[in-house]
Structures are given as structure tokens and as C-alpha cells.
Amino acid sequence: MRPLILPLAASLLGCALAPALAAERVPTRTPGLWESSTITNAGRTTVKECVDAQTDRLVLQLTAVLTCKNTDFRRTADGFFAGAKCSAGGMTVDNQITVTGDFESWARAEAITNMVSADGDAGVNRTFSTAIETRRIGECDEGQIPGDIVLPGGKTIHVNPSARR
């Protein structure tokens, strides 16, 4: 179950924030190399991301294939709060998300996610927490371009189809 939960959790987290961009802008991270850890009930995964303003937003746009309804979005004293209900892969997902940070050197997103089977199969229902902690560690490494994500084990994927390698 862990291989499915980590990407789905990150995608749903992005999905919940994406509608908020139209109402009130969540800041983009300062361009450069960021180390991001996704922590769930299933464990911790850390990647390095080379971002600029365009690719930082692109990750949120990639989640647009999910069907989400933003039920609550507001600025808080120290960041943002979002509530969203989504449908994906035969599941209904209810997210409660807080985002804090200065977005220049660090940011943290925390979510409580309730996943319920759309067909009533209670055996696949899950509640889990996800935290994404990210910190800027410097400029992108030589040879990296914005959109490069270095996965555990060193494999690099690229999420910016408009950038040329």
C-alpha cells in the first residue's frame, strides 16, 4: 500500500491547494535546490527538487486531473488552511491542510486525509496524516534545470515538459 499512498497523498495535497491559487496566492518557493521530505504513517521519503516560479506551480497544475472541490481556503496567522473534497481512483478523499513557512528558506504542509471507497468497500477506507517539509539548500546543481526531481537512489525525473534538456 505504501507505493500508492505517498504519490497519492502528495497529489491530493497539491490538488487541495490548486483551487486556492485563483482566490489568494500561495507564495512560490525561492528558485533553487530544495530538499523535500514527505512523511506519512507509512514512512518518510526525501527528494531534491530544482525549482523556479514556473515549476513550483507546475507541480500543483499536474494534479488537475483529480476532481476536487475546495470547501474552505483561508489565510491564517502563520500561513494558510485549505479543506478539500476530491475523487480519484474510486475513492472519495477529504483533506484538511495547513501550510506554513517563509517560502524563501523553508515551508511545511500538514494534512489529515480521510479516504473512503466510492463503492462502499469499507476494507479500503483509510485515514492518514501527511507532512511535507521542504528547505532550500542552495542553487540547483550543475546540469540541473528547473523541474528536475532527484528521487531516493539518485534517479532524476523531470516534471517540466516545456524545458529543454
C-alpha atoms as a PDB file:
ATOM      1  CA  MET A   1       0.000   0.000   0.000  1.00  0.00           C
ATOM      2  CA  ARG A   2       2.895   2.410   0.674  1.00  0.00           C
ATOM      3  CA  PRO A   3       3.866   2.923  -3.020  1.00  0.00           C
ATOM      4  CA  LEU A   4       0.309   4.129  -3.762  1.00  0.00           C
ATOM      5  CA  ILE A   5      -0.190   6.274  -0.665  1.00  0.00           C
ATOM      6  CA  LEU A   6       2.894   8.520  -0.949  1.00  0.00           C
ATOM      7  CA  PRO A   7       2.281   9.802  -4.512  1.00  0.00           C
ATOM      8  CA  LEU A   8      -1.472   9.969  -3.976  1.00  0.00           C
ATOM      9  CA  ALA A   9      -1.045  11.925  -0.753  1.00  0.00           C
ATOM     10  CA  ALA A  10       1.292  14.445  -2.386  1.00  0.00           C
ATOM     11  CA  SER A  11      -1.014  14.781  -5.388  1.00  0.00           C
ATOM     12  CA  LEU A  12      -4.094  15.277  -3.241  1.00  0.00           C
ATOM     13  CA  LEU A  13      -2.250  17.827  -1.139  1.00  0.00           C
ATOM     14  CA  GLY A  14      -1.438  19.775  -4.295  1.00  0.00           C
ATOM     15  CA  CYS A  15      -4.976  19.341  -5.585  1.00  0.00           C
ATOM     16  CA  ALA A  16      -6.437  20.867  -2.462  1.00  0.00           C
ATOM     17  CA  LEU A  17      -4.222  23.921  -2.772  1.00  0.00           C
ATOM     18  CA  ALA A  18      -4.590  24.390  -6.547  1.00  0.00           C
ATOM     19  CA  PRO A  19      -8.075  25.998  -6.443  1.00  0.00           C
ATOM     20  CA  ALA A  20      -6.794  28.428  -3.825  1.00  0.00           C
ATOM     21  CA  LEU A  21      -4.361  29.933  -6.293  1.00  0.00           C
ATOM     22  CA  ALA A  22      -7.230  31.695  -8.009  1.00  0.00           C
ATOM     23  CA  ALA A  23      -8.570  33.199  -4.776  1.00  0.00           C
ATOM     24  CA  GLU A  24      -5.435  34.063  -2.814  1.00  0.00           C
ATOM     25  CA  ARG A  25      -1.941  33.285  -3.978  1.00  0.00           C
ATOM     26  CA  VAL A  26       0.091  30.784  -2.026  1.00  0.00           C
ATOM     27  CA  PRO A  27       3.691  32.017  -2.351  1.00  0.00           C
ATOM     28  CA  THR A  28       6.104  30.173  -4.597  1.00  0.00           C
ATOM     29  CA  ARG A  29       9.368  28.961  -3.146  1.00  0.00           C
ATOM     30  CA  THR A  30      12.553  30.888  -3.884  1.00  0.00           C
ATOM     31  CA  PRO A  31      14.226  29.426  -7.004  1.00  0.00           C
ATOM     32  CA  GLY A  32      16.994  26.936  -6.293  1.00  0.00           C
ATOM     33  CA  LEU A  33      17.545  23.443  -4.929  1.00  0.00           C
ATOM     34  CA  TRP A  34      15.099  22.309  -2.260  1.00  0.00           C
ATOM     35  CA  GLU A  35      15.161  19.161  -0.165  1.00  0.00           C
ATOM     36  CA  SER A  36      11.617  17.940   0.436  1.00  0.00           C
ATOM     37  CA  SER A  37      10.578  15.160   2.780  1.00  0.00           C
ATOM     38  CA  THR A  38       7.142  13.578   2.650  1.00  0.00           C
ATOM     39  CA  ILE A  39       6.271  11.962   5.965  1.00  0.00           C
ATOM     40  CA  THR A  40       3.219   9.682   6.256  1.00  0.00           C
ATOM     41  CA  ASN A  41       2.036   6.914   8.543  1.00  0.00           C
ATOM     42  CA  ALA A  42       3.877   4.595   6.102  1.00  0.00           C
ATOM     43  CA  GLY A  43       7.270   6.294   6.401  1.00  0.00           C
ATOM     44  CA  ARG A  44       9.462   9.089   5.072  1.00  0.00           C
ATOM     45  CA  THR A  45      10.647   9.803   1.523  1.00  0.00           C
ATOM     46  CA  THR A  46      13.106  12.602   0.694  1.00  0.00           C
ATOM     47  CA  VAL A  47      13.765  14.109  -2.733  1.00  0.00           C
ATOM     48  CA  LYS A  48      15.709  17.090  -4.054  1.00  0.00           C
ATOM     49  CA  GLU A  49      13.847  19.477  -6.339  1.00  0.00           C
ATOM     50  CA  CYS A  50      15.308  22.134  -8.637  1.00  0.00           C
ATOM     51  CA  VAL A  51      12.541  24.749  -8.792  1.00  0.00           C
ATOM     52  CA  ASP A  52      11.755  28.142 -10.216  1.00  0.00           C
ATOM     53  CA  ALA A  53       8.437  30.031 -10.050  1.00  0.00           C
ATOM     54  CA  GLN A  54       7.055  28.185 -13.083  1.00  0.00           C
ATOM     55  CA  THR A  55       7.946  24.646 -11.983  1.00  0.00           C
ATOM     56  CA  ASP A  56       6.879  25.272  -8.388  1.00  0.00           C
ATOM     57  CA  ARG A  57       3.375  25.994  -9.717  1.00  0.00           C
ATOM     58  CA  LEU A  58       3.621  23.189 -12.274  1.00  0.00           C
ATOM     59  CA  VAL A  59       3.522  20.537  -9.560  1.00  0.00           C
ATOM     60  CA  LEU A  60       0.150  21.914  -8.469  1.00  0.00           C
ATOM     61  CA  GLN A  61      -1.099  22.024 -12.077  1.00  0.00           C
ATOM     62  CA  LEU A  62      -0.173  18.370 -12.621  1.00  0.00           C
ATOM     63  CA  THR A  63      -2.793  17.409 -10.057  1.00  0.00           C
ATOM     64  CA  ALA A  64      -5.614  18.980 -12.093  1.00  0.00           C
ATOM     65  CA  VAL A  65      -6.673  15.509 -13.330  1.00  0.00           C
ATOM     66  CA  LEU A  66      -8.213  14.904  -9.919  1.00  0.00           C
ATOM     67  CA  THR A  67     -11.754  16.099  -9.267  1.00  0.00           C
ATOM     68  CA  CYS A  68     -11.592  18.338  -6.204  1.00  0.00           C
ATOM     69  CA  LYS A  69     -13.912  20.827  -4.612  1.00  0.00           C
ATOM     70  CA  ASN A  70     -12.235  23.341  -2.362  1.00  0.00           C
ATOM     71  CA  THR A  71     -14.524  23.538   0.650  1.00  0.00           C
ATOM     72  CA  ASP A  72     -12.536  26.061   2.658  1.00  0.00           C
ATOM     73  CA  PHE A  73      -9.452  28.172   1.976  1.00  0.00           C
ATOM     74  CA  ARG A  74      -8.177  30.982   4.124  1.00  0.00           C
ATOM     75  CA  ARG A  75      -5.083  32.774   5.297  1.00  0.00           C
ATOM     76  CA  THR A  76      -4.195  32.064   8.911  1.00  0.00           C
ATOM     77  CA  ALA A  77      -1.957  33.961  11.328  1.00  0.00           C
ATOM     78  CA  ASP A  78       1.065  31.893  10.251  1.00  0.00           C
ATOM     79  CA  GLY A  79       0.161  30.564   6.795  1.00  0.00           C
ATOM     80  CA  PHE A  80      -2.808  29.027   5.014  1.00  0.00           C
ATOM     81  CA  PHE A  81      -5.556  26.494   5.657  1.00  0.00           C
ATOM     82  CA  ALA A  82      -7.374  24.502   2.971  1.00  0.00           C
ATOM     83  CA  GLY A  83     -10.144  21.971   3.123  1.00  0.00           C
ATOM     84  CA  ALA A  84     -10.903  19.948   0.012  1.00  0.00           C
ATOM     85  CA  LYS A  85     -13.000  17.006  -1.071  1.00  0.00           C
ATOM     86  CA  CYS A  86     -11.623  15.045  -4.022  1.00  0.00           C
ATOM     87  CA  SER A  87     -12.441  11.973  -6.089  1.00  0.00           C
ATOM     88  CA  ALA A  88      -9.690   9.799  -7.523  1.00  0.00           C
ATOM     89  CA  GLY A  89      -9.279   6.116  -8.312  1.00  0.00           C
ATOM     90  CA  GLY A  90     -12.687   5.084  -6.959  1.00  0.00           C
ATOM     91  CA  MET A  91     -12.081   6.910  -3.683  1.00  0.00           C
ATOM     92  CA  THR A  92     -13.621   9.986  -2.096  1.00  0.00           C
ATOM     93  CA  VAL A  93     -10.976  11.946  -0.239  1.00  0.00           C
ATOM     94  CA  ASP A  94     -11.478  14.620   2.432  1.00  0.00           C
ATOM     95  CA  ASN A  95      -8.371  16.729   3.186  1.00  0.00           C
ATOM     96  CA  GLN A  96      -7.698  19.254   5.953  1.00  0.00           C
ATOM     97  CA  ILE A  97      -4.417  21.032   5.169  1.00  0.00           C
ATOM     98  CA  THR A  98      -2.267  23.695   6.839  1.00  0.00           C
ATOM     99  CA  VAL A  99       0.722  25.339   5.165  1.00  0.00           C
ATOM    100  CA  THR A 100       3.312  27.430   6.995  1.00  0.00           C
ATOM    101  CA  GLY A 101       6.737  28.818   6.173  1.00  0.00           C
ATOM    102  CA  ASP A 102       8.561  31.787   4.742  1.00  0.00           C
ATOM    103  CA  PHE A 103       8.872  30.098   1.278  1.00  0.00           C
ATOM    104  CA  GLU A 104      12.349  31.630   0.963  1.00  0.00           C
ATOM    105  CA  SER A 105      14.162  29.048   3.072  1.00  0.00           C
ATOM    106  CA  TRP A 106      11.506  26.643   4.382  1.00  0.00           C
ATOM    107  CA  ALA A 107       7.882  25.562   4.174  1.00  0.00           C
ATOM    108  CA  ARG A 108       5.765  22.846   5.777  1.00  0.00           C
ATOM    109  CA  ALA A 109       2.407  21.412   4.744  1.00  0.00           C
ATOM    110  CA  GLU A 110       0.434  19.105   7.031  1.00  0.00           C
ATOM    111  CA  ALA A 111      -2.682  17.190   6.025  1.00  0.00           C
ATOM    112  CA  ILE A 112      -5.151  14.835   7.614  1.00  0.00           C
ATOM    113  CA  THR A 113      -6.709  12.741   4.864  1.00  0.00           C
ATOM    114  CA  ASN A 114      -9.778  10.522   5.081  1.00  0.00           C
ATOM    115  CA  MET A 115     -10.133   8.172   2.090  1.00  0.00           C
ATOM    116  CA  VAL A 116     -13.453   6.360   1.641  1.00  0.00           C
ATOM    117  CA  SER A 117     -14.273   3.820  -1.053  1.00  0.00           C
ATOM    118  CA  ALA A 118     -16.831   5.177  -3.526  1.00  0.00           C
ATOM    119  CA  ASP A 119     -18.326   1.672  -3.900  1.00  0.00           C
ATOM    120  CA  GLY A 120     -18.797   1.110  -0.158  1.00  0.00           C
ATOM    121  CA  ASP A 121     -15.881  -1.304   0.393  1.00  0.00           C
ATOM    122  CA  ALA A 122     -15.002  -0.373   3.991  1.00  0.00           C
ATOM    123  CA  GLY A 123     -11.892  -2.570   3.810  1.00  0.00           C
ATOM    124  CA  VAL A 124     -10.057   0.006   1.693  1.00  0.00           C
ATOM    125  CA  ASN A 125     -11.026   3.055   3.775  1.00  0.00           C
ATOM    126  CA  ARG A 126      -8.031   4.866   5.302  1.00  0.00           C
ATOM    127  CA  THR A 127      -7.251   7.857   7.492  1.00  0.00           C
ATOM    128  CA  PHE A 128      -3.682   9.058   7.472  1.00  0.00           C
ATOM    129  CA  SER A 129      -1.548  12.093   8.075  1.00  0.00           C
ATOM    130  CA  THR A 130       0.944  13.569   5.673  1.00  0.00           C
ATOM    131  CA  ALA A 131       3.555  16.236   6.268  1.00  0.00           C
ATOM    132  CA  ILE A 132       5.761  17.740   3.593  1.00  0.00           C
ATOM    133  CA  GLU A 133       8.784  19.575   4.968  1.00  0.00           C
ATOM    134  CA  THR A 134      10.926  21.456   2.500  1.00  0.00           C
ATOM    135  CA  ARG A 135      14.010  23.579   2.926  1.00  0.00           C
ATOM    136  CA  ARG A 136      16.188  25.454   0.456  1.00  0.00           C
ATOM    137  CA  ILE A 137      19.705  24.012   0.349  1.00  0.00           C
ATOM    138  CA  GLY A 138      21.236  26.308  -2.275  1.00  0.00           C
ATOM    139  CA  GLU A 139      21.395  26.776  -6.008  1.00  0.00           C
ATOM    140  CA  CYS A 140      20.473  23.955  -8.373  1.00  0.00           C
ATOM    141  CA  ASP A 141      23.389  21.625  -9.071  1.00  0.00           C
ATOM    142  CA  GLU A 142      25.344  21.994 -12.302  1.00  0.00           C
ATOM    143  CA  GLY A 143      23.455  20.315 -15.119  1.00  0.00           C
ATOM    144  CA  GLN A 144      20.084  20.555 -13.371  1.00  0.00           C
ATOM    145  CA  ILE A 145      17.218  22.562 -14.794  1.00  0.00           C
ATOM    146  CA  PRO A 146      14.030  23.687 -13.059  1.00  0.00           C
ATOM    147  CA  GLY A 147      11.664  20.748 -12.896  1.00  0.00           C
ATOM    148  CA  ASP A 148      14.327  18.148 -12.101  1.00  0.00           C
ATOM    149  CA  ILE A 149      13.482  15.967  -9.093  1.00  0.00           C
ATOM    150  CA  VAL A 150      16.167  13.656  -7.730  1.00  0.00           C
ATOM    151  CA  LEU A 151      14.490  10.614  -6.174  1.00  0.00           C
ATOM    152  CA  PRO A 152      15.865   8.382  -3.418  1.00  0.00           C
ATOM    153  CA  GLY A 153      18.534   6.221  -5.032  1.00  0.00           C
ATOM    154  CA  GLY A 154      19.654   9.060  -7.330  1.00  0.00           C
ATOM    155  CA  LYS A 155      17.260   8.680 -10.284  1.00  0.00           C
ATOM    156  CA  THR A 156      16.205  12.036 -11.764  1.00  0.00           C
ATOM    157  CA  ILE A 157      12.751  12.684 -13.195  1.00  0.00           C
ATOM    158  CA  HIS A 158      11.673  15.864 -14.932  1.00  0.00           C
ATOM    159  CA  VAL A 159       8.237  17.473 -14.452  1.00  0.00           C
ATOM    160  CA  ASN A 160       8.573  20.456 -16.790  1.00  0.00           C
ATOM    161  CA  PRO A 161       7.819  19.332 -20.354  1.00  0.00           C
ATOM    162  CA  SER A 162       8.388  22.842 -21.743  1.00  0.00           C
ATOM    163  CA  ALA A 163      12.053  22.970 -20.620  1.00  0.00           C
ATOM    164  CA  ARG A 164      14.659  21.546 -22.943  1.00  0.00           C
ATOM    165  CA  ARG A 165      17.383  19.248 -21.652  1.00  0.00           C
END
